[in-house]
Amino acid sequence: MPEEDVLRFIAKNGEKIILRLAGCQDAEEIISVIKTNAPDRSYVLMEHYGTKSDAVKKYICSMDFEKNLLIVAITDNAVVGALSGIQMDGGKRPQTAHILNIGLHIIPAYRGLGIGSQMLDYAIDWATERKFKKLEANIFTTNKKSLHLFERAGFIEEGMRHKRIRIGNQYIDEVLIGKVL
């Protein structure tokens, strides 16, 4: 992997963090990050490729990394965060091929340390270099910290999906946010 694709920084807790493109070998740790981050939403995120490490590994290994982004945040050789940027409609529709859909996941112990901001900045730079015109994300209204993080990165609310998901007996709304590049 070219060194320019790797970003190194110090988190607010003093730990060294490396951001790099994900590889096939990261599949199990990516699943772990997603499950610890959003167990209520895991099925939404993994419906594309399943929950088994072999399925995730196959999905990651077959990604077109010119049109899609998958990065991991690593400290002490452990994945503590993952960000995916998936081209809308798989790039199959010219009308939406300019949009990159962002998903960001950080394990609870590493939230609030600046890692998410660095990952979003990386994704914005990556998308800009590849001439994407817009970034989008969907965030549950109960995830206030994530909403605030995306707002600080320049995303604005574009809509609301009411009662988007039921968790137990509670219905949760989902905010649609976007950033024009």
Protein backbone atom coordinates (compact mmCIF):
# COMPACT_ATOMS: atom_id res chain seq x y z
CA MET A 1 0.00 0.00 0.00
CA PRO A 2 1.42 3.40 -0.95
CA GLU A 3 2.55 5.47 2.04
CA GLU A 4 0.34 8.38 0.88
CA ASP A 5 -2.68 6.14 1.58
CA VAL A 6 -1.65 5.84 5.25
CA LEU A 7 -2.35 8.55 7.81
CA ARG A 8 -0.73 8.56 11.23
CA PHE A 9 -1.81 10.78 14.12
CA ILE A 10 -2.03 10.93 17.89
CA ALA A 11 -5.51 10.54 19.41
CA LYS A 12 -6.66 12.79 22.25
CA ASN A 13 -5.79 9.99 24.71
CA GLY A 14 -2.15 10.02 23.51
CA GLU A 15 -2.32 6.76 21.55
CA LYS A 16 -0.80 6.45 18.09
CA ILE A 17 -3.45 5.79 15.45
CA ILE A 18 -2.91 4.59 11.90
CA LEU A 19 -5.57 5.02 9.24
CA ARG A 20 -5.11 2.77 6.23
CA LEU A 21 -7.07 1.07 3.52
CA ALA A 22 -8.70 -2.11 4.76
CA GLY A 23 -7.62 -5.44 3.39
CA CYS A 24 -9.04 -8.94 3.27
CA GLN A 25 -7.25 -9.75 6.53
CA ASP A 26 -9.29 -7.12 8.40
CA ALA A 27 -12.70 -8.77 7.87
CA GLU A 28 -13.16 -10.29 11.34
CA GLU A 29 -12.07 -7.15 13.16
CA ILE A 30 -14.35 -4.98 11.00
CA ILE A 31 -17.29 -7.22 11.95
CA SER A 32 -16.31 -6.90 15.60
CA VAL A 33 -16.15 -3.08 15.39
CA ILE A 34 -19.56 -2.88 13.73
CA LYS A 35 -21.17 -5.23 16.25
CA THR A 36 -19.79 -3.41 19.29
CA ASN A 37 -20.65 -0.07 17.79
CA ALA A 38 -24.20 -0.67 16.66
CA PRO A 39 -25.68 -4.02 17.58
CA ASP A 40 -29.14 -2.64 16.83
CA ARG A 41 -28.08 -1.70 13.33
CA SER A 42 -25.71 -4.54 12.48
CA TYR A 43 -28.29 -6.28 10.35
CA VAL A 44 -28.74 -3.12 8.25
CA LEU A 45 -25.03 -2.77 7.61
CA MET A 46 -24.33 -6.41 7.02
CA GLU A 47 -27.29 -7.26 4.84
CA HIS A 48 -25.06 -6.50 1.85
CA TYR A 49 -22.46 -9.11 2.68
CA GLY A 50 -23.55 -11.19 5.67
CA THR A 51 -22.17 -11.51 9.18
CA LYS A 52 -19.68 -14.33 8.74
CA SER A 53 -16.02 -13.40 8.33
CA ASP A 54 -15.71 -15.40 5.10
CA ALA A 55 -18.58 -13.45 3.52
CA VAL A 56 -17.17 -10.12 4.70
CA LYS A 57 -13.70 -11.11 3.50
CA LYS A 58 -15.12 -12.00 0.08
CA TYR A 59 -16.99 -8.68 -0.04
CA ILE A 60 -13.88 -6.68 0.93
CA CYS A 61 -11.61 -8.57 -1.47
CA SER A 62 -14.00 -8.00 -4.37
CA MET A 63 -14.54 -4.26 -3.75
CA ASP A 64 -13.67 -1.83 -6.52
CA PHE A 65 -11.39 0.50 -4.57
CA GLU A 66 -11.43 3.11 -7.32
CA LYS A 67 -15.13 3.69 -6.66
CA ASN A 68 -15.44 2.55 -3.03
CA LEU A 69 -13.49 3.26 0.13
CA LEU A 70 -12.93 1.10 3.18
CA ILE A 71 -10.47 2.29 5.80
CA VAL A 72 -9.61 1.09 9.27
CA ALA A 73 -8.26 2.90 12.33
CA ILE A 74 -5.63 0.83 14.12
CA THR A 75 -3.93 1.15 17.48
CA ASP A 76 -1.64 -1.49 18.98
CA ASN A 77 -2.34 -3.75 15.97
CA ALA A 78 -6.08 -3.80 16.70
CA VAL A 79 -8.82 -2.30 14.55
CA VAL A 80 -10.74 0.26 16.62
CA GLY A 81 -12.70 1.91 13.81
CA ALA A 82 -13.90 1.39 10.26
CA LEU A 83 -15.26 3.77 7.64
CA SER A 84 -16.88 2.68 4.41
CA GLY A 85 -17.66 4.87 1.45
CA ILE A 86 -19.81 3.03 -1.07
CA GLN A 87 -20.73 4.50 -4.43
CA MET A 88 -24.49 4.95 -4.68
CA ASP A 89 -26.26 2.18 -6.60
CA GLY A 90 -22.91 0.47 -7.16
CA GLY A 91 -22.14 3.09 -9.80
CA LYS A 92 -24.61 1.41 -12.15
CA ARG A 93 -26.85 4.46 -12.51
CA PRO A 94 -25.16 7.52 -14.05
CA GLN A 95 -27.76 9.69 -12.32
CA THR A 96 -26.44 8.75 -8.85
CA ALA A 97 -22.84 7.66 -9.55
CA HIS A 98 -21.56 10.98 -8.15
CA ILE A 99 -22.72 10.11 -4.61
CA LEU A 100 -20.67 8.28 -1.97
CA ASN A 101 -22.60 6.83 1.00
CA ILE A 102 -20.59 6.95 4.24
CA GLY A 103 -20.79 4.57 7.21
CA LEU A 104 -18.56 5.17 10.25
CA HIS A 105 -18.03 2.85 13.22
CA ILE A 106 -15.73 3.27 16.22
CA ILE A 107 -15.63 1.01 19.25
CA PRO A 108 -16.97 2.74 22.38
CA ALA A 109 -13.62 3.07 24.20
CA TYR A 110 -12.18 5.08 21.27
CA ARG A 111 -15.05 7.51 20.65
CA GLY A 112 -14.51 11.20 21.33
CA LEU A 113 -10.76 11.00 20.69
CA GLY A 114 -10.67 12.66 17.26
CA ILE A 115 -10.52 9.38 15.32
CA GLY A 116 -13.91 9.86 13.68
CA SER A 117 -12.99 13.38 12.56
CA GLN A 118 -9.75 12.12 11.02
CA MET A 119 -11.58 9.30 9.26
CA LEU A 120 -14.22 11.66 7.86
CA ASP A 121 -11.51 14.08 6.66
CA TYR A 122 -9.74 11.15 4.96
CA ALA A 123 -13.00 10.15 3.23
CA ILE A 124 -13.75 13.73 2.13
CA ASP A 125 -10.25 14.08 0.62
CA TRP A 126 -10.50 10.66 -1.05
CA ALA A 127 -13.94 11.46 -2.54
CA THR A 128 -12.82 14.89 -3.73
CA GLU A 129 -9.77 13.40 -5.50
CA ARG A 130 -12.06 10.94 -7.30
CA LYS A 131 -14.47 13.68 -8.40
CA PHE A 132 -17.44 12.61 -6.27
CA LYS A 133 -19.86 15.53 -5.91
CA LYS A 134 -21.69 14.53 -2.75
CA LEU A 135 -21.36 12.46 0.43
CA GLU A 136 -24.40 11.06 2.22
CA ALA A 137 -25.00 9.23 5.48
CA ASN A 138 -28.00 7.88 7.41
CA ILE A 139 -27.85 8.18 11.19
CA PHE A 140 -30.40 7.19 13.82
CA THR A 141 -31.71 10.13 15.83
CA THR A 142 -30.64 8.35 19.02
CA ASN A 143 -26.98 8.62 17.92
CA LYS A 144 -26.45 12.27 18.93
CA LYS A 145 -22.64 12.06 19.03
CA SER A 146 -22.44 10.75 15.49
CA LEU A 147 -24.85 13.40 14.24
CA HIS A 148 -22.71 16.09 15.88
CA LEU A 149 -19.52 14.64 14.37
CA PHE A 150 -20.95 14.72 10.85
CA GLU A 151 -22.33 18.25 11.37
CA ARG A 152 -18.86 19.46 12.41
CA ALA A 153 -17.54 17.96 9.14
CA GLY A 154 -20.01 20.08 7.16
CA PHE A 155 -22.88 17.64 6.64
CA ILE A 156 -26.39 19.09 6.78
CA GLU A 157 -29.74 17.46 7.43
CA GLU A 158 -31.64 16.68 4.23
CA GLY A 159 -34.54 14.67 5.53
CA MET A 160 -35.97 12.32 8.10
CA ARG A 161 -37.23 8.76 7.84
CA HIS A 162 -39.76 8.41 10.62
CA LYS A 163 -40.03 5.11 12.49
CA ARG A 164 -37.23 3.73 10.30
CA ILE A 165 -36.38 0.82 12.57
CA ARG A 166 -37.98 -0.95 15.49
CA ILE A 167 -35.76 -2.02 18.34
CA GLY A 168 -37.74 -3.89 20.94
CA ASN A 169 -40.92 -1.87 21.35
CA GLN A 170 -39.35 1.43 20.33
CA TYR A 171 -39.43 2.96 16.84
CA ILE A 172 -36.43 5.09 15.93
CA ASP A 173 -36.21 7.80 13.29
CA GLU A 174 -33.28 8.11 10.91
CA VAL A 175 -31.75 11.40 9.75
CA LEU A 176 -30.55 11.70 6.16
CA ILE A 177 -27.52 13.99 5.97
CA GLY A 178 -25.36 15.13 3.10
CA LYS A 179 -22.32 17.18 2.18
CA VAL A 180 -21.87 18.70 -1.26
CA LEU A 181 -18.22 18.67 -2.35
